[in-house]
Amino acid sequence: MPYILIQVTDEGVTKQQKEALIAGATDLVVNVLHKDPEATFVVIDEVNTDNWGHGGEVVTQRRQREAARRKS
């Protein structure tokens, strides 16, 4: 019974995009591992950017800095 966890930041992933991720991830384990799609679970965990770090920095701060740099 495959369990697939997809984690993304909560920055506007649409319902249609989530549906595509679920369908695509399910198709992948069916095609590669020959698993039953009815026994495959996909969870999308949307993480607030304050709770996601990259390069030793909170993503919220990185996004703000990058936005300010683009405005300059």
C-alpha atoms as a PDB file:
ATOM      1  CA  MET A   1       0.000   0.000   0.000  1.00  0.00           C
ATOM      2  CA  PRO A   2       1.998   3.039  -1.225  1.00  0.00           C
ATOM      3  CA  TYR A   3       1.769   6.251   0.750  1.00  0.00           C
ATOM      4  CA  ILE A   4       3.054   9.300  -1.113  1.00  0.00           C
ATOM      5  CA  LEU A   5       3.640  12.567   0.727  1.00  0.00           C
ATOM      6  CA  ILE A   6       4.049  15.701  -1.354  1.00  0.00           C
ATOM      7  CA  GLN A   7       5.120  18.780   0.564  1.00  0.00           C
ATOM      8  CA  VAL A   8       4.864  22.226  -0.998  1.00  0.00           C
ATOM      9  CA  THR A   9       4.796  25.734   0.366  1.00  0.00           C
ATOM     10  CA  ASP A  10       1.347  27.253   0.773  1.00  0.00           C
ATOM     11  CA  GLU A  11       1.790  29.732  -2.038  1.00  0.00           C
ATOM     12  CA  GLY A  12      -1.303  29.336  -4.149  1.00  0.00           C
ATOM     13  CA  VAL A  13      -1.305  25.765  -5.414  1.00  0.00           C
ATOM     14  CA  THR A  14      -4.663  25.467  -7.139  1.00  0.00           C
ATOM     15  CA  LYS A  15      -7.211  22.688  -6.748  1.00  0.00           C
ATOM     16  CA  GLN A  16      -6.525  21.654 -10.346  1.00  0.00           C
ATOM     17  CA  GLN A  17      -2.780  21.465  -9.702  1.00  0.00           C
ATOM     18  CA  LYS A  18      -3.366  19.325  -6.609  1.00  0.00           C
ATOM     19  CA  GLU A  19      -5.623  16.995  -8.600  1.00  0.00           C
ATOM     20  CA  ALA A  20      -2.899  16.698 -11.254  1.00  0.00           C
ATOM     21  CA  LEU A  21      -0.251  15.934  -8.614  1.00  0.00           C
ATOM     22  CA  ILE A  22      -2.430  13.225  -7.058  1.00  0.00           C
ATOM     23  CA  ALA A  23      -3.239  11.645 -10.423  1.00  0.00           C
ATOM     24  CA  GLY A  24       0.358  11.865 -11.629  1.00  0.00           C
ATOM     25  CA  ALA A  25       1.877  10.438  -8.449  1.00  0.00           C
ATOM     26  CA  THR A  26      -0.630   7.588  -8.475  1.00  0.00           C
ATOM     27  CA  ASP A  27       0.085   6.848 -12.147  1.00  0.00           C
ATOM     28  CA  LEU A  28       3.814   6.810 -11.399  1.00  0.00           C
ATOM     29  CA  VAL A  29       3.600   4.091  -8.731  1.00  0.00           C
ATOM     30  CA  VAL A  30       1.146   2.122 -10.855  1.00  0.00           C
ATOM     31  CA  ASN A  31       3.412   2.240 -13.929  1.00  0.00           C
ATOM     32  CA  VAL A  32       6.772   1.824 -12.180  1.00  0.00           C
ATOM     33  CA  LEU A  33       5.934  -0.383  -9.209  1.00  0.00           C
ATOM     34  CA  HIS A  34       2.790  -2.047 -10.589  1.00  0.00           C
ATOM     35  CA  LYS A  35       0.789  -1.043  -7.504  1.00  0.00           C
ATOM     36  CA  ASP A  36      -2.982  -1.004  -7.257  1.00  0.00           C
ATOM     37  CA  PRO A  37      -4.219   2.597  -7.601  1.00  0.00           C
ATOM     38  CA  GLU A  38      -7.053   1.803  -5.178  1.00  0.00           C
ATOM     39  CA  ALA A  39      -4.457   0.976  -2.518  1.00  0.00           C
ATOM     40  CA  THR A  40      -2.343   4.074  -3.178  1.00  0.00           C
ATOM     41  CA  PHE A  41      -2.624   7.094  -0.918  1.00  0.00           C
ATOM     42  CA  VAL A  42      -1.371  10.569  -1.820  1.00  0.00           C
ATOM     43  CA  VAL A  43      -1.241  13.392   0.710  1.00  0.00           C
ATOM     44  CA  ILE A  44      -0.409  16.982  -0.153  1.00  0.00           C
ATOM     45  CA  ASP A  45       0.951  18.885   2.825  1.00  0.00           C
ATOM     46  CA  GLU A  46       0.975  22.646   2.309  1.00  0.00           C
ATOM     47  CA  VAL A  47       3.570  24.186   4.607  1.00  0.00           C
ATOM     48  CA  ASN A  48       3.551  27.843   5.571  1.00  0.00           C
ATOM     49  CA  THR A  49       6.705  29.574   4.346  1.00  0.00           C
ATOM     50  CA  ASP A  50       7.464  30.614   7.947  1.00  0.00           C
ATOM     51  CA  ASN A  51       7.881  26.879   8.652  1.00  0.00           C
ATOM     52  CA  TRP A  52      10.095  26.075   5.655  1.00  0.00           C
ATOM     53  CA  GLY A  53      13.788  26.848   5.524  1.00  0.00           C
ATOM     54  CA  HIS A  54      16.311  26.830   2.718  1.00  0.00           C
ATOM     55  CA  GLY A  55      19.970  27.687   2.873  1.00  0.00           C
ATOM     56  CA  GLY A  56      19.755  28.440   6.598  1.00  0.00           C
ATOM     57  CA  GLU A  57      16.989  30.994   6.131  1.00  0.00           C
ATOM     58  CA  VAL A  58      13.211  31.030   6.496  1.00  0.00           C
ATOM     59  CA  VAL A  59      11.586  30.956   3.042  1.00  0.00           C
ATOM     60  CA  THR A  60       9.333  33.919   3.907  1.00  0.00           C
ATOM     61  CA  GLN A  61      12.415  36.079   4.421  1.00  0.00           C
ATOM     62  CA  ARG A  62      14.035  34.795   1.234  1.00  0.00           C
ATOM     63  CA  ARG A  63      10.897  35.607  -0.776  1.00  0.00           C
ATOM     64  CA  GLN A  64      10.715  39.116   0.705  1.00  0.00           C
ATOM     65  CA  ARG A  65      14.393  39.766  -0.034  1.00  0.00           C
ATOM     66  CA  GLU A  66      14.044  38.473  -3.604  1.00  0.00           C
ATOM     67  CA  ALA A  67      10.933  40.609  -4.170  1.00  0.00           C
ATOM     68  CA  ALA A  68      12.738  43.717  -2.863  1.00  0.00           C
ATOM     69  CA  ARG A  69      15.720  42.959  -5.120  1.00  0.00           C
ATOM     70  CA  ARG A  70      13.444  42.689  -8.179  1.00  0.00           C
ATOM     71  CA  LYS A  71      11.847  46.055  -7.372  1.00  0.00           C
ATOM     72  CA  SER A  72      15.264  47.739  -7.222  1.00  0.00           C
END
